[in-house]
Protein backbone atom coordinates (compact mmCIF):
# COMPACT_ATOMS: atom_id res chain seq x y z
CA UNK A 1 -25.42 -65.58 46.36
CA UNK A 2 -28.89 -65.06 44.88
CA UNK A 3 -31.09 -62.64 46.81
CA UNK A 4 -33.76 -64.22 49.02
CA UNK A 5 -35.87 -61.07 49.30
CA UNK A 6 -39.57 -61.87 48.86
CA UNK A 7 -39.14 -65.62 49.38
CA UNK A 8 -40.38 -67.79 52.23
CA UNK A 9 -38.19 -69.98 54.42
CA UNK A 10 -40.26 -72.17 56.72
CA UNK A 11 -42.44 -69.85 58.79
CA UNK A 12 -40.50 -66.74 57.80
CA UNK A 13 -41.24 -64.27 55.01
CA UNK A 14 -37.95 -62.66 53.90
CA UNK A 15 -38.43 -58.88 53.64
CA UNK A 16 -35.12 -57.16 52.87
CA UNK A 17 -31.37 -57.63 53.09
CA UNK A 18 -29.66 -56.06 56.11
CA UNK A 19 -26.04 -57.00 55.44
CA UNK A 20 -23.66 -59.65 54.23
CA UNK A 21 -20.27 -61.08 55.04
CA UNK A 22 -18.02 -63.97 54.11
CA UNK A 23 -20.05 -66.55 56.04
CA UNK A 24 -23.67 -65.43 55.77
CA UNK A 25 -26.21 -62.90 54.51
CA UNK A 26 -28.62 -61.34 57.01
CA UNK A 27 -32.21 -60.43 56.14
CA UNK A 28 -35.11 -58.90 57.97
CA UNK A 29 -38.01 -61.35 58.00
CA UNK A 30 -41.54 -61.57 59.34
CA UNK A 31 -42.74 -64.49 61.47
CA UNK A 32 -46.49 -64.58 61.04
CA UNK A 33 -47.07 -67.27 63.66
CA UNK A 34 -45.86 -64.94 66.43
CA UNK A 35 -46.57 -61.65 64.63
CA UNK A 36 -43.02 -60.36 64.99
CA UNK A 37 -40.05 -59.31 62.92
CA UNK A 38 -36.82 -61.26 63.24
CA UNK A 39 -33.35 -61.34 61.72
CA UNK A 40 -32.60 -64.41 59.65
CA UNK A 41 -29.01 -65.35 58.77
CA UNK A 42 -28.67 -67.54 55.68
CA UNK A 43 -25.53 -69.54 54.89
CA UNK A 44 -24.02 -69.05 51.42
CA UNK A 45 -24.07 -71.98 48.97
CA UNK A 46 -20.36 -72.80 49.35
CA UNK A 47 -20.89 -73.46 53.07
CA UNK A 48 -24.30 -75.09 52.73
CA UNK A 49 -22.77 -77.64 50.34
CA UNK A 50 -20.29 -78.79 52.96
CA UNK A 51 -22.06 -81.42 55.05
CA UNK A 52 -19.44 -81.47 57.78
CA UNK A 53 -19.72 -77.73 58.25
CA UNK A 54 -23.53 -77.82 58.23
CA UNK A 55 -23.60 -80.44 60.97
CA UNK A 56 -21.19 -78.51 63.17
CA UNK A 57 -22.97 -75.26 62.42
CA UNK A 58 -26.34 -76.61 63.52
CA UNK A 59 -24.85 -78.12 66.67
CA UNK A 60 -23.06 -74.93 67.67
CA UNK A 61 -26.07 -72.74 66.88
CA UNK A 62 -28.34 -74.87 69.05
CA UNK A 63 -25.83 -74.72 71.87
CA UNK A 64 -25.47 -70.95 71.53
CA UNK A 65 -29.27 -70.67 71.73
CA UNK A 66 -28.91 -71.63 75.38
CA UNK A 67 -26.89 -68.47 76.17
CA UNK A 68 -28.99 -65.94 78.07
CA UNK A 69 -27.17 -62.68 78.64
CA UNK A 70 -28.31 -59.08 78.13
CA UNK A 71 -25.33 -58.45 75.81
CA UNK A 72 -25.62 -61.62 73.69
CA UNK A 73 -28.09 -61.91 70.82
CA UNK A 74 -31.04 -64.25 71.38
CA UNK A 75 -31.28 -67.17 68.94
CA UNK A 76 -34.89 -68.17 68.24
CA UNK A 77 -34.56 -70.99 65.74
CA UNK A 78 -32.24 -73.04 63.50
CA UNK A 79 -33.56 -74.64 60.34
CA UNK A 80 -33.27 -75.44 56.65
CA UNK A 81 -35.57 -75.34 53.64
CA UNK A 82 -34.75 -76.94 50.30
CA UNK A 83 -31.03 -77.01 50.96
CA UNK A 84 -30.89 -73.53 52.45
CA UNK A 85 -29.68 -73.37 56.07
CA UNK A 86 -30.44 -70.47 58.34
CA UNK A 87 -30.49 -69.12 61.91
CA UNK A 88 -33.32 -66.96 63.24
CA UNK A 89 -32.35 -64.31 65.81
CA UNK A 90 -33.87 -61.32 67.53
CA UNK A 91 -34.04 -58.24 65.33
CA UNK A 92 -31.78 -55.60 66.85
CA UNK A 93 -32.23 -51.83 66.66
CA UNK A 94 -29.28 -49.58 65.92
CA UNK A 95 -26.15 -50.28 63.91
CA UNK A 96 -22.96 -52.26 64.13
CA UNK A 97 -19.84 -50.87 65.77
CA UNK A 98 -18.18 -51.06 62.36
CA UNK A 99 -20.81 -48.73 60.92
CA UNK A 100 -20.49 -46.42 63.92
CA UNK A 101 -16.71 -46.04 63.49
CA UNK A 102 -17.04 -45.56 59.74
CA UNK A 103 -19.57 -42.77 60.28
CA UNK A 104 -18.20 -41.03 63.37
CA UNK A 105 -14.52 -41.93 63.33
CA UNK A 106 -12.61 -42.77 66.48
CA UNK A 107 -14.54 -42.78 69.74
CA UNK A 108 -13.76 -41.09 73.00
CA UNK A 109 -11.92 -43.27 75.54
CA UNK A 110 -14.91 -43.04 77.91
CA UNK A 111 -17.34 -44.28 75.26
CA UNK A 112 -14.95 -47.02 74.19
CA UNK A 113 -14.61 -48.15 77.81
CA UNK A 114 -18.41 -48.37 78.11
CA UNK A 115 -18.55 -50.65 75.06
CA UNK A 116 -15.58 -52.77 76.18
CA UNK A 117 -17.18 -53.33 79.57
CA UNK A 118 -20.34 -54.76 78.00
CA UNK A 119 -18.58 -56.93 75.41
CA UNK A 120 -16.12 -58.16 78.03
CA UNK A 121 -18.99 -59.12 80.33
CA UNK A 122 -20.67 -61.06 77.51
CA UNK A 123 -17.43 -62.89 76.67
CA UNK A 124 -16.78 -63.78 80.32
CA UNK A 125 -20.29 -65.23 80.54
CA UNK A 126 -19.77 -67.32 77.39
CA UNK A 127 -16.24 -68.41 78.37
CA UNK A 128 -17.46 -69.67 81.72
CA UNK A 129 -19.86 -71.95 79.80
CA UNK A 130 -17.21 -73.31 77.46
CA UNK A 131 -17.89 -71.07 74.46
CA UNK A 132 -15.18 -69.32 72.43
CA UNK A 133 -16.46 -66.82 69.92
CA UNK A 134 -13.38 -66.83 67.59
CA UNK A 135 -14.59 -63.89 65.49
CA UNK A 136 -14.96 -60.87 67.78
CA UNK A 137 -14.92 -57.77 65.56
CA UNK A 138 -16.90 -54.51 65.14
CA UNK A 139 -19.30 -55.97 62.57
CA UNK A 140 -20.36 -58.59 65.16
CA UNK A 141 -20.93 -55.97 67.88
CA UNK A 142 -24.29 -54.23 67.66
CA UNK A 143 -24.75 -50.77 69.21
CA UNK A 144 -28.31 -49.93 70.20
CA UNK A 145 -29.95 -46.98 71.98
CA UNK A 146 -27.88 -45.50 74.82
CA UNK A 147 -24.94 -47.53 73.46
CA UNK A 148 -26.43 -50.81 74.65
CA UNK A 149 -24.17 -53.52 73.21
CA UNK A 150 -25.18 -56.90 71.76
CA UNK A 151 -22.62 -59.49 70.67
CA UNK A 152 -23.67 -61.65 67.72
CA UNK A 153 -22.45 -64.65 65.67
CA UNK A 154 -21.55 -67.19 68.33
CA UNK A 155 -20.81 -70.63 66.91
CA UNK A 156 -20.30 -69.98 63.19
CA UNK A 157 -16.56 -69.36 63.34
CA UNK A 158 -16.01 -72.41 65.54
CA UNK A 159 -18.00 -74.67 63.22
CA UNK A 160 -16.03 -73.38 60.24
CA UNK A 161 -12.63 -73.73 61.91
CA UNK A 162 -13.35 -77.32 62.91
CA UNK A 163 -14.56 -78.38 59.47
CA UNK A 164 -11.51 -80.23 58.12
CA UNK A 165 -12.60 -80.09 54.49
CA UNK A 166 -12.84 -76.30 54.56
CA UNK A 167 -9.38 -76.14 56.11
CA UNK A 168 -7.98 -78.41 53.42
CA UNK A 169 -9.53 -76.20 50.73
CA UNK A 170 -7.66 -73.22 52.20
CA UNK A 171 -10.71 -71.21 53.24
CA UNK A 172 -9.72 -68.68 55.88
CA UNK A 173 -11.93 -68.91 58.96
CA UNK A 174 -12.19 -65.66 60.83
CA UNK A 175 -11.07 -62.14 60.02
CA UNK A 176 -7.27 -61.71 59.76
CA UNK A 177 -7.20 -58.21 61.27
CA UNK A 178 -8.73 -59.51 64.52
CA UNK A 179 -7.09 -62.94 64.73
CA UNK A 180 -4.75 -63.62 67.61
CA UNK A 181 -1.18 -64.73 66.77
CA UNK A 182 -1.95 -68.29 67.89
CA UNK A 183 -5.08 -68.34 65.77
CA UNK A 184 -3.14 -66.97 62.78
CA UNK A 185 -0.56 -69.76 63.03
CA UNK A 186 -3.22 -72.46 63.27
CA UNK A 187 -2.27 -73.37 66.84
CA UNK A 188 -4.80 -74.46 69.45
CA UNK A 189 -6.72 -71.50 70.85
CA UNK A 190 -8.55 -70.86 74.10
CA UNK A 191 -10.76 -68.10 75.45
CA UNK A 192 -7.84 -65.64 75.41
CA UNK A 193 -8.03 -65.43 71.62
CA UNK A 194 -11.32 -63.56 72.12
CA UNK A 195 -9.64 -61.19 74.57
CA UNK A 196 -6.93 -60.43 72.01
CA UNK A 197 -9.61 -59.63 69.44
CA UNK A 198 -11.35 -57.41 71.99
CA UNK A 199 -8.04 -55.55 72.39
CA UNK A 200 -7.94 -54.99 68.62
CA UNK A 201 -11.50 -53.66 68.77
CA UNK A 202 -10.45 -51.26 71.54
CA UNK A 203 -7.47 -50.15 69.43
CA UNK A 204 -9.75 -49.49 66.47
CA UNK A 205 -12.27 -47.52 68.53
CA UNK A 206 -9.55 -45.23 69.91
CA UNK A 207 -7.49 -44.85 66.74
CA UNK A 208 -10.01 -45.30 63.92
CA UNK A 209 -8.35 -48.28 62.23
CA UNK A 210 -6.96 -51.71 62.98
CA UNK A 211 -3.28 -52.11 63.90
CA UNK A 212 -2.56 -54.66 61.15
CA UNK A 213 -3.93 -54.72 57.63
CA UNK A 214 -2.29 -55.97 54.44
CA UNK A 215 -3.19 -56.11 50.78
CA UNK A 216 -3.65 -59.85 51.18
CA UNK A 217 -4.86 -61.94 54.14
CA UNK A 218 -1.47 -63.62 54.38
CA UNK A 219 0.32 -60.28 54.57
CA UNK A 220 -1.97 -59.27 57.42
CA UNK A 221 -1.44 -62.56 59.24
CA UNK A 222 2.32 -62.17 58.90
CA UNK A 223 2.10 -58.79 60.62
CA UNK A 224 -0.17 -60.19 63.34
CA UNK A 225 2.33 -62.95 64.11
CA UNK A 226 5.64 -61.12 63.86
CA UNK A 227 5.22 -57.34 64.08
CA UNK A 228 4.43 -55.17 67.09
CA UNK A 229 1.34 -52.99 66.72
CA UNK A 230 1.98 -49.31 66.05
CA UNK A 231 1.63 -47.49 69.40
CA UNK A 232 -1.85 -45.93 69.47
CA UNK A 233 -0.52 -42.54 70.61
CA UNK A 234 1.50 -42.21 67.42
CA UNK A 235 -1.81 -42.05 65.58
CA UNK A 236 -4.02 -40.47 68.22
CA UNK A 237 -1.81 -38.39 70.54
CA UNK A 238 -4.76 -37.51 72.77
CA UNK A 239 -4.79 -41.01 74.23
CA UNK A 240 -3.14 -41.04 77.63
CA UNK A 241 -0.06 -43.24 78.19
CA UNK A 242 -2.02 -45.24 80.76
CA UNK A 243 -4.77 -46.06 78.24
CA UNK A 244 -2.16 -46.91 75.62
CA UNK A 245 -0.60 -49.45 77.98
CA UNK A 246 -3.98 -51.12 78.45
CA UNK A 247 -4.42 -51.44 74.68
CA UNK A 248 -0.95 -52.85 74.11
CA UNK A 249 -1.25 -55.39 76.91
CA UNK A 250 -4.59 -56.55 75.54
CA UNK A 251 -2.84 -57.31 72.23
CA UNK A 252 0.21 -59.06 73.68
CA UNK A 253 1.58 -61.77 71.37
CA UNK A 254 1.64 -64.38 74.13
CA UNK A 255 -1.72 -65.27 75.73
CA UNK A 256 -0.33 -65.35 79.27
CA UNK A 257 0.75 -61.72 78.95
CA UNK A 258 -2.77 -60.50 78.13
CA UNK A 259 -5.66 -59.75 80.41
CA UNK A 260 -7.20 -63.01 81.51
CA UNK A 261 -10.81 -61.86 81.46
CA UNK A 262 -12.99 -59.18 79.98
CA UNK A 263 -13.70 -57.81 83.45
CA UNK A 264 -9.97 -57.43 84.13
CA UNK A 265 -9.50 -55.50 80.89
CA UNK A 266 -12.51 -53.27 81.57
CA UNK A 267 -11.29 -52.56 85.12
CA UNK A 268 -7.79 -51.68 83.89
CA UNK A 269 -9.26 -49.34 81.30
CA UNK A 270 -11.42 -47.56 83.88
CA UNK A 271 -8.42 -47.19 86.17
CA UNK A 272 -6.35 -45.74 83.31
CA UNK A 273 -9.08 -43.21 82.53
CA UNK A 274 -9.19 -42.16 86.17
CA UNK A 275 -5.42 -41.61 86.29
CA UNK A 276 -4.18 -37.98 86.12
CA UNK A 277 -4.14 -36.83 82.54
CA UNK A 278 -0.76 -36.43 80.87
CA UNK A 279 -0.52 -33.87 78.09
CA UNK A 280 -0.18 -35.41 74.67
CA UNK A 281 3.43 -35.49 73.55
CA UNK A 282 2.90 -35.70 69.80
CA UNK A 283 1.92 -34.48 67.32
CA UNK A 284 0.71 -31.47 69.32
CA UNK A 285 2.45 -28.42 67.99
CA UNK A 286 3.86 -26.18 70.67
CA UNK A 287 2.40 -22.67 70.56
CA UNK A 288 4.65 -20.30 68.71
CA UNK A 289 6.02 -17.66 71.06
CA UNK A 290 5.30 -14.35 69.41
CA UNK A 291 7.61 -11.59 70.66
CA UNK A 292 5.86 -8.42 71.85
CA UNK A 293 5.48 -5.74 69.22
CA UNK A 294 8.33 -3.24 69.23
CA UNK A 295 7.71 -0.07 71.14
CA UNK A 296 7.73 3.09 69.02
CA UNK A 297 11.14 4.70 68.99
CA UNK A 298 10.69 7.98 70.78
CA UNK A 299 13.05 10.89 70.03
CA UNK A 300 15.64 11.14 72.77
CA UNK A 301 15.48 14.27 74.87
CA UNK A 302 17.37 17.20 73.43
CA UNK A 303 20.74 17.50 74.95
CA UNK A 304 24.06 19.10 74.12
CA UNK A 305 26.11 17.01 71.73
CA UNK A 306 29.77 18.00 71.27
CA UNK A 307 29.74 16.75 67.68
CA UNK A 308 26.76 18.89 66.76
CA UNK A 309 28.30 21.99 68.33
CA UNK A 310 31.54 21.46 66.45
CA UNK A 311 29.68 21.03 63.14
CA UNK A 312 27.60 24.14 63.80
CA UNK A 313 30.72 26.19 64.64
CA UNK A 314 32.50 25.08 61.48
CA UNK A 315 29.46 26.00 59.39
CA UNK A 316 29.28 29.40 61.09
CA UNK A 317 32.95 30.12 60.40
CA UNK A 318 32.51 29.12 56.76
CA UNK A 319 29.52 31.44 56.36
CA UNK A 320 31.32 34.27 58.10
CA UNK A 321 34.34 33.91 55.79
CA UNK A 322 32.14 34.05 52.72
CA UNK A 323 30.43 37.16 54.05
CA UNK A 324 33.79 38.90 54.55
CA UNK A 325 34.84 38.04 51.02
CA UNK A 326 31.65 39.54 49.66
CA UNK A 327 32.13 42.75 51.67
CA UNK A 328 35.68 43.15 50.40
CA UNK A 329 34.53 42.56 46.87
CA UNK A 330 31.92 45.28 47.09
CA UNK A 331 34.35 47.69 48.82
CA UNK A 332 36.80 47.40 45.96
CA UNK A 333 34.30 48.78 43.43
CA UNK A 334 33.75 52.50 42.69
CA UNK A 335 30.19 52.96 43.74
CA UNK A 336 28.64 49.97 45.29
CA UNK A 337 24.93 49.50 45.15
CA UNK A 338 23.59 49.55 48.65
CA UNK A 339 21.27 46.84 49.85
CA UNK A 340 17.86 47.97 50.96
CA UNK A 341 17.72 48.22 54.71
CA UNK A 342 14.71 46.04 54.93
CA UNK A 343 16.16 43.23 52.81
CA UNK A 344 17.67 40.20 54.46
CA UNK A 345 19.80 37.47 52.98
CA UNK A 346 19.13 33.99 54.36
CA UNK A 347 21.95 31.49 54.16
CA UNK A 348 20.62 28.00 54.83
CA UNK A 349 22.74 25.02 55.89
CA UNK A 350 21.07 21.59 55.81
CA UNK A 351 22.36 18.41 57.28
CA UNK A 352 22.49 15.44 54.95
CA UNK A 353 20.01 13.56 57.15
CA UNK A 354 18.07 15.15 60.01
CA UNK A 355 18.97 13.71 63.36
CA UNK A 356 16.48 13.02 66.08
CA UNK A 357 16.06 16.06 68.24
CA UNK A 358 17.96 18.38 65.83
CA UNK A 359 16.22 20.93 63.62
CA UNK A 360 16.27 20.08 59.93
CA UNK A 361 17.70 23.52 58.94
CA UNK A 362 19.64 26.29 60.62
CA UNK A 363 19.25 29.89 59.30
CA UNK A 364 21.76 32.63 59.95
CA UNK A 365 20.81 36.20 58.95
CA UNK A 366 23.05 39.31 58.61
CA UNK A 367 22.22 42.28 60.81
CA UNK A 368 21.16 45.72 59.63
CA UNK A 369 23.88 48.01 58.14
CA UNK A 370 26.27 49.38 60.79
CA UNK A 371 26.95 53.11 61.45
CA UNK A 372 29.38 55.09 59.34
CA UNK A 373 31.95 55.03 62.13
CA UNK A 374 32.63 51.45 61.28
CA UNK A 375 35.54 51.63 58.79
CA UNK A 376 36.33 47.98 58.24
CA UNK A 377 34.64 44.73 59.11
CA UNK A 378 36.19 42.52 61.67
CA UNK A 379 35.62 38.77 61.82
CA UNK A 380 36.11 37.45 65.30
CA UNK A 381 34.88 33.83 65.67
CA UNK A 382 31.67 34.96 67.31
CA UNK A 383 31.02 38.16 65.28
CA UNK A 384 28.25 38.30 62.70
CA UNK A 385 29.02 39.48 59.12
CA UNK A 386 28.34 43.18 58.58
CA UNK A 387 27.40 45.21 55.52
CA UNK A 388 30.01 47.50 53.87
CA UNK A 389 30.15 51.17 55.11
CA UNK A 390 27.89 53.73 53.48
CA UNK A 391 29.76 56.40 51.49
CA UNK A 392 26.71 57.83 49.72
CA UNK A 393 23.13 58.54 50.45
CA UNK A 394 20.86 55.65 49.77
CA UNK A 395 19.42 55.45 46.32
CA UNK A 396 15.73 56.30 46.17
CA UNK A 397 15.03 53.08 44.29
CA UNK A 398 15.77 49.93 46.26
CA UNK A 399 17.82 47.32 44.45
CA UNK A 400 17.08 43.65 44.89
CA UNK A 401 19.64 41.82 46.94
CA UNK A 402 22.45 40.10 45.14
CA UNK A 403 22.12 36.24 45.05
CA UNK A 404 24.69 34.70 47.25
CA UNK A 405 25.64 31.11 46.35
CA UNK A 406 24.89 28.57 49.04
CA UNK A 407 27.81 26.58 50.29
CA UNK A 408 27.75 22.88 49.49
CA UNK A 409 27.24 21.06 52.78
CA UNK A 410 29.58 18.27 53.73
CA UNK A 411 27.60 15.05 54.33
CA UNK A 412 27.93 13.79 57.82
CA UNK A 413 27.55 10.25 59.02
CA UNK A 414 24.25 9.55 60.69
CA UNK A 415 24.60 7.83 64.03
CA UNK A 416 22.73 4.54 64.08
CA UNK A 417 19.17 4.94 65.31
CA UNK A 418 18.36 2.46 68.09
CA UNK A 419 15.90 -0.12 66.73
CA UNK A 420 14.23 -3.22 68.20
CA UNK A 421 15.61 -6.44 66.77
CA UNK A 422 13.56 -9.62 67.38
CA UNK A 423 15.31 -12.69 68.69
CA UNK A 424 15.69 -15.20 65.84
CA UNK A 425 13.25 -18.13 66.07
CA UNK A 426 13.17 -21.45 64.23
CA UNK A 427 10.70 -21.70 61.37
CA UNK A 428 8.58 -23.60 61.88
CA UNK A 429 8.59 -23.83 65.66
CA UNK A 430 8.22 -27.52 66.52
CA UNK A 431 8.12 -29.35 69.84
CA UNK A 432 10.91 -31.62 68.59
CA UNK A 433 13.10 -32.12 65.53
CA UNK A 434 13.00 -35.08 63.17
CA UNK A 435 15.61 -37.66 64.09
CA UNK A 436 17.18 -40.57 62.23
CA UNK A 437 18.02 -41.01 58.57
CA UNK A 438 15.41 -38.49 57.35
CA UNK A 439 16.57 -35.65 59.60
CA UNK A 440 18.60 -33.99 56.83
CA UNK A 441 15.72 -34.15 54.36
CA UNK A 442 13.39 -32.58 56.91
CA UNK A 443 15.84 -29.74 57.48
CA UNK A 444 15.94 -29.14 53.73
CA UNK A 445 12.15 -29.22 53.24
CA UNK A 446 10.74 -28.32 56.66
CA UNK A 447 9.02 -25.17 55.38
CA UNK A 448 6.93 -27.34 53.07
CA UNK A 449 6.56 -30.36 55.37
CA UNK A 450 5.95 -28.64 58.69
CA UNK A 451 6.67 -30.28 62.02
CA UNK A 452 7.23 -34.03 62.44
CA UNK A 453 4.36 -35.98 64.00
CA UNK A 454 6.85 -38.31 65.67
CA UNK A 455 10.59 -38.15 66.07
CA UNK A 456 12.05 -41.12 64.17
CA UNK A 457 11.16 -42.96 60.95
CA UNK A 458 9.28 -46.25 61.22
CA UNK A 459 9.82 -49.46 59.30
CA UNK A 460 6.42 -50.51 57.97
CA UNK A 461 4.84 -53.15 55.80
CA UNK A 462 3.94 -52.06 52.31
CA UNK A 463 2.96 -53.34 48.87
CA UNK A 464 4.36 -51.97 45.63
CA UNK A 465 3.56 -52.33 41.94
CA UNK A 466 5.31 -50.80 38.91
CA UNK A 467 3.36 -49.15 36.10
CA UNK A 468 4.23 -47.65 32.73
CA UNK A 469 4.39 -44.09 34.04
CA UNK A 470 5.18 -44.57 37.70
CA UNK A 471 4.17 -46.89 40.47
CA UNK A 472 1.66 -47.46 43.25
CA UNK A 473 2.42 -48.30 46.83
CA UNK A 474 0.23 -49.09 49.82
CA UNK A 475 1.09 -48.20 53.42
CA UNK A 476 0.02 -50.74 55.98
CA UNK A 477 0.28 -48.21 58.83
CA UNK A 478 -2.43 -45.89 57.47
CA UNK A 479 -4.13 -48.28 55.01
CA UNK A 480 -3.87 -45.91 52.05
CA UNK A 481 -2.71 -46.43 48.47
CA UNK A 482 -0.63 -43.81 46.65
CA UNK A 483 -0.30 -43.28 42.90
CA UNK A 484 3.08 -41.78 42.00
CA UNK A 485 3.55 -40.34 38.50
CA UNK A 486 7.25 -40.41 37.58
CA UNK A 487 6.84 -39.74 33.85
CA UNK A 488 4.17 -38.84 31.34
CA UNK A 489 1.68 -35.99 31.46
CA UNK A 490 1.49 -35.88 35.27
CA UNK A 491 5.16 -36.36 36.02
CA UNK A 492 6.21 -35.13 39.47
CA UNK A 493 2.75 -35.39 41.04
CA UNK A 494 0.97 -37.96 43.16
CA UNK A 495 -2.49 -38.70 44.52
CA UNK A 496 -4.09 -40.92 47.13
CA UNK A 497 -7.71 -41.80 46.28
CA UNK A 498 -9.89 -42.46 49.30
CA UNK A 499 -10.67 -46.03 48.26
CA UNK A 500 -10.55 -49.27 50.24
CA UNK A 501 -10.69 -52.83 49.00
CA UNK A 502 -12.04 -55.59 51.26
CA UNK A 503 -11.00 -59.20 50.99
CA UNK A 504 -14.01 -61.44 50.46
CA UNK A 505 -16.29 -58.49 49.69
CA UNK A 506 -14.80 -56.78 46.63
CA UNK A 507 -13.93 -58.74 43.48
CA UNK A 508 -10.30 -59.44 42.61
CA UNK A 509 -10.63 -57.38 39.42
CA UNK A 510 -12.69 -54.21 39.80
CA UNK A 511 -13.27 -53.56 36.11
CA UNK A 512 -13.05 -55.38 32.79
CA UNK A 513 -9.89 -54.75 30.77
CA UNK A 514 -7.65 -56.52 28.25
CA UNK A 515 -3.98 -55.65 28.83
CA UNK A 516 -1.65 -55.53 25.82
CA UNK A 517 1.13 -58.11 25.53
CA UNK A 518 3.74 -57.75 28.24
CA UNK A 519 1.47 -55.67 30.47
CA UNK A 520 -0.80 -56.69 33.36
CA UNK A 521 -4.06 -55.46 34.77
CA UNK A 522 -3.69 -54.61 38.47
CA UNK A 523 -6.00 -56.44 40.83
CA UNK A 524 -7.21 -56.33 44.42
CA UNK A 525 -6.57 -52.97 46.09
CA UNK A 526 -4.35 -51.49 43.39
CA UNK A 527 -6.82 -52.72 40.80
CA UNK A 528 -9.70 -50.90 42.46
CA UNK A 529 -7.69 -47.66 42.56
CA UNK A 530 -6.61 -48.15 38.92
CA UNK A 531 -10.19 -48.68 37.78
CA UNK A 532 -11.34 -45.56 39.67
CA UNK A 533 -8.73 -43.55 37.74
CA UNK A 534 -10.02 -44.72 34.39
CA UNK A 535 -8.63 -48.24 34.03
CA UNK A 536 -7.03 -48.64 30.59
CA UNK A 537 -7.06 -44.84 30.11
CA UNK A 538 -5.53 -44.07 33.52
CA UNK A 539 -2.56 -41.69 33.41
CA UNK A 540 -0.43 -44.21 35.30
CA UNK A 541 -0.73 -46.70 32.41
CA UNK A 542 -0.77 -50.50 32.57
CA UNK A 543 0.97 -52.54 35.21
CA UNK A 544 4.44 -53.87 34.40
CA UNK A 545 4.26 -56.76 36.84
CA UNK A 546 2.36 -58.13 39.78
CA UNK A 547 2.34 -56.37 43.14
CA UNK A 548 4.83 -57.43 45.81
CA UNK A 549 4.87 -57.04 49.58
CA UNK A 550 7.76 -55.81 51.72
CA UNK A 551 8.41 -55.52 55.44
CA UNK A 552 11.21 -55.44 58.02
CA UNK A 553 13.90 -57.77 56.76
CA UNK A 554 12.55 -57.69 53.22
CA UNK A 555 12.99 -54.33 51.57
CA UNK A 556 12.71 -52.47 54.88
CA UNK A 557 10.25 -49.78 53.71
CA UNK A 558 10.37 -46.78 56.01
CA UNK A 559 8.17 -43.74 56.54
CA UNK A 560 7.95 -40.58 58.63
CA UNK A 561 4.89 -38.34 58.70
CA UNK A 562 4.80 -34.57 59.02
CA UNK A 563 2.10 -31.92 59.26
CA UNK A 564 1.99 -31.35 55.50
CA UNK A 565 3.37 -34.48 53.91
CA UNK A 566 5.65 -37.43 54.56
CA UNK A 567 8.99 -38.96 53.61
CA UNK A 568 8.94 -42.53 52.30
CA UNK A 569 11.69 -44.97 51.43
CA UNK A 570 10.45 -47.89 49.35
CA UNK A 571 12.20 -51.23 48.91
CA UNK A 572 14.22 -49.89 45.98
CA UNK A 573 15.30 -46.85 47.96
CA UNK A 574 16.84 -49.12 50.60
CA UNK A 575 19.58 -50.09 48.14
CA UNK A 576 19.83 -46.83 46.17
CA UNK A 577 19.84 -44.55 49.21
CA UNK A 578 17.01 -42.39 47.85
CA UNK A 579 13.68 -41.45 49.38
CA UNK A 580 10.48 -39.79 48.22
CA UNK A 581 9.43 -36.50 49.83
CA UNK A 582 5.69 -35.98 49.34
CA UNK A 583 4.21 -32.47 49.74
CA UNK A 584 0.52 -32.66 50.63
CA UNK A 585 -0.25 -28.99 49.95
CA UNK A 586 0.78 -29.17 46.30
CA UNK A 587 0.35 -32.87 45.51
CA UNK A 588 3.94 -33.02 44.27
CA UNK A 589 7.05 -34.97 45.25
CA UNK A 590 10.80 -35.16 44.82
CA UNK A 591 13.03 -38.20 45.04
CA UNK A 592 16.38 -37.34 46.54
CA UNK A 593 19.26 -38.99 48.42
CA UNK A 594 18.82 -39.10 52.18
């Protein structure tokens, strides 16, 4: 659609574009007649050309102009100028809830409840007057100062859904992620379709994303109709079970099972927030119990040990016997050389390994020479070795003592020293183990993967596309695309670019390329990722075929997330019995049997 900035529509001077969507473009404009700024919503050419839609649009807009509620946008005017149709509304300060979530992430339950209360009050007011919004979503909820909420876009979705020609042309009216199951199937809807959408908005505020989102609108609608939403606490474990039950009831497949008014939903949410808090069950990692540091091993008090006494006695006897032999050897010679009286001979016996509380060495010394009356040495077990008897006067020049060889000690076994042994603990310490078909893989790779974020694998919806050097797949549960390199220069690695593709906003092909014969250029979400990686020069190569979607009953893709990676079974792995184990820390993977 050509920009209207700087142009004049009726009494309004268009100043700048504020935003655009599938059904209109919003500009800031100046109304000179009342000296005020307004917001002007201009229909795109494809809708302006449909006379049936234009008539219904004008009728619904005029009717919505009669709504007067503090949380519903005020409509000032409806008009057209040279084939251009527009609505003039109050100019709101702040930003949309969509922008708020994109910037700040998930909101606190208390803040989400404050927003739900205001939107629910606005919907109840409109429902009581026969209005059904049909397109409640964050981009139609404006958040002003102090989180004052304003609901916008009444009437456009209804006019579009009732225009038969648009339906015949296959134009999707509404936003698939927020459509109720009855709206997705084309059945008749009532006010409870808005309450379902409000439940999806609540889910997104608490979790940070919508429960259902596919690579195509039809894939998303299939999930809305047939699949249960992922429990919010699996994604945000800090949500209480009571709040989770409110969210899930708001998104019940059958209208009669939902809340029947916005006030009822808001009251249930307040009551859930007031309930006693229950600690989050997952994926909170239980604190690792660190055993106390070992106490220093203190030497035991010295005490008599029979073994030590026996060893000491044996050593003493051995030394004594050697001393006797030396004395006899000297006595057998003619004139022995006396040992200086002041000299001592130290015979040292060392244990192989010092024991606690026992001296490292023991030294036994011979006594001074005995008197001449001693004729022969005796060697009782307790006697000390004596010097040979003196037969001559001592020589005036002392002679150094003769070296006595040291006996070779016999090594003794060292008693085991008491030590502190920690109690074995599991590594890593997790609040629960992985269960199901991936339990064995987790046991094999748990040091790299860390603890499971939930116990059992989940069957999800995914999309897959083969490439020359690997493949891409998209997970519906976390709305991320993964590029897996199975050959080529980056074989064994993967990446997940932080890129999103929006139906009706982004083009089908994100870059210009001419694939060689037999190859295809990826489009939509995979195409946007491919172009961001270099397009024709991307390491993943050209596509080998178009993307395909899989879900429960078709391919049965399955996933389980962990602290530092995840295990994924694609549609092919269902028949081959193999799964991918992705390691987030290293950006690598293995594909192994499970």
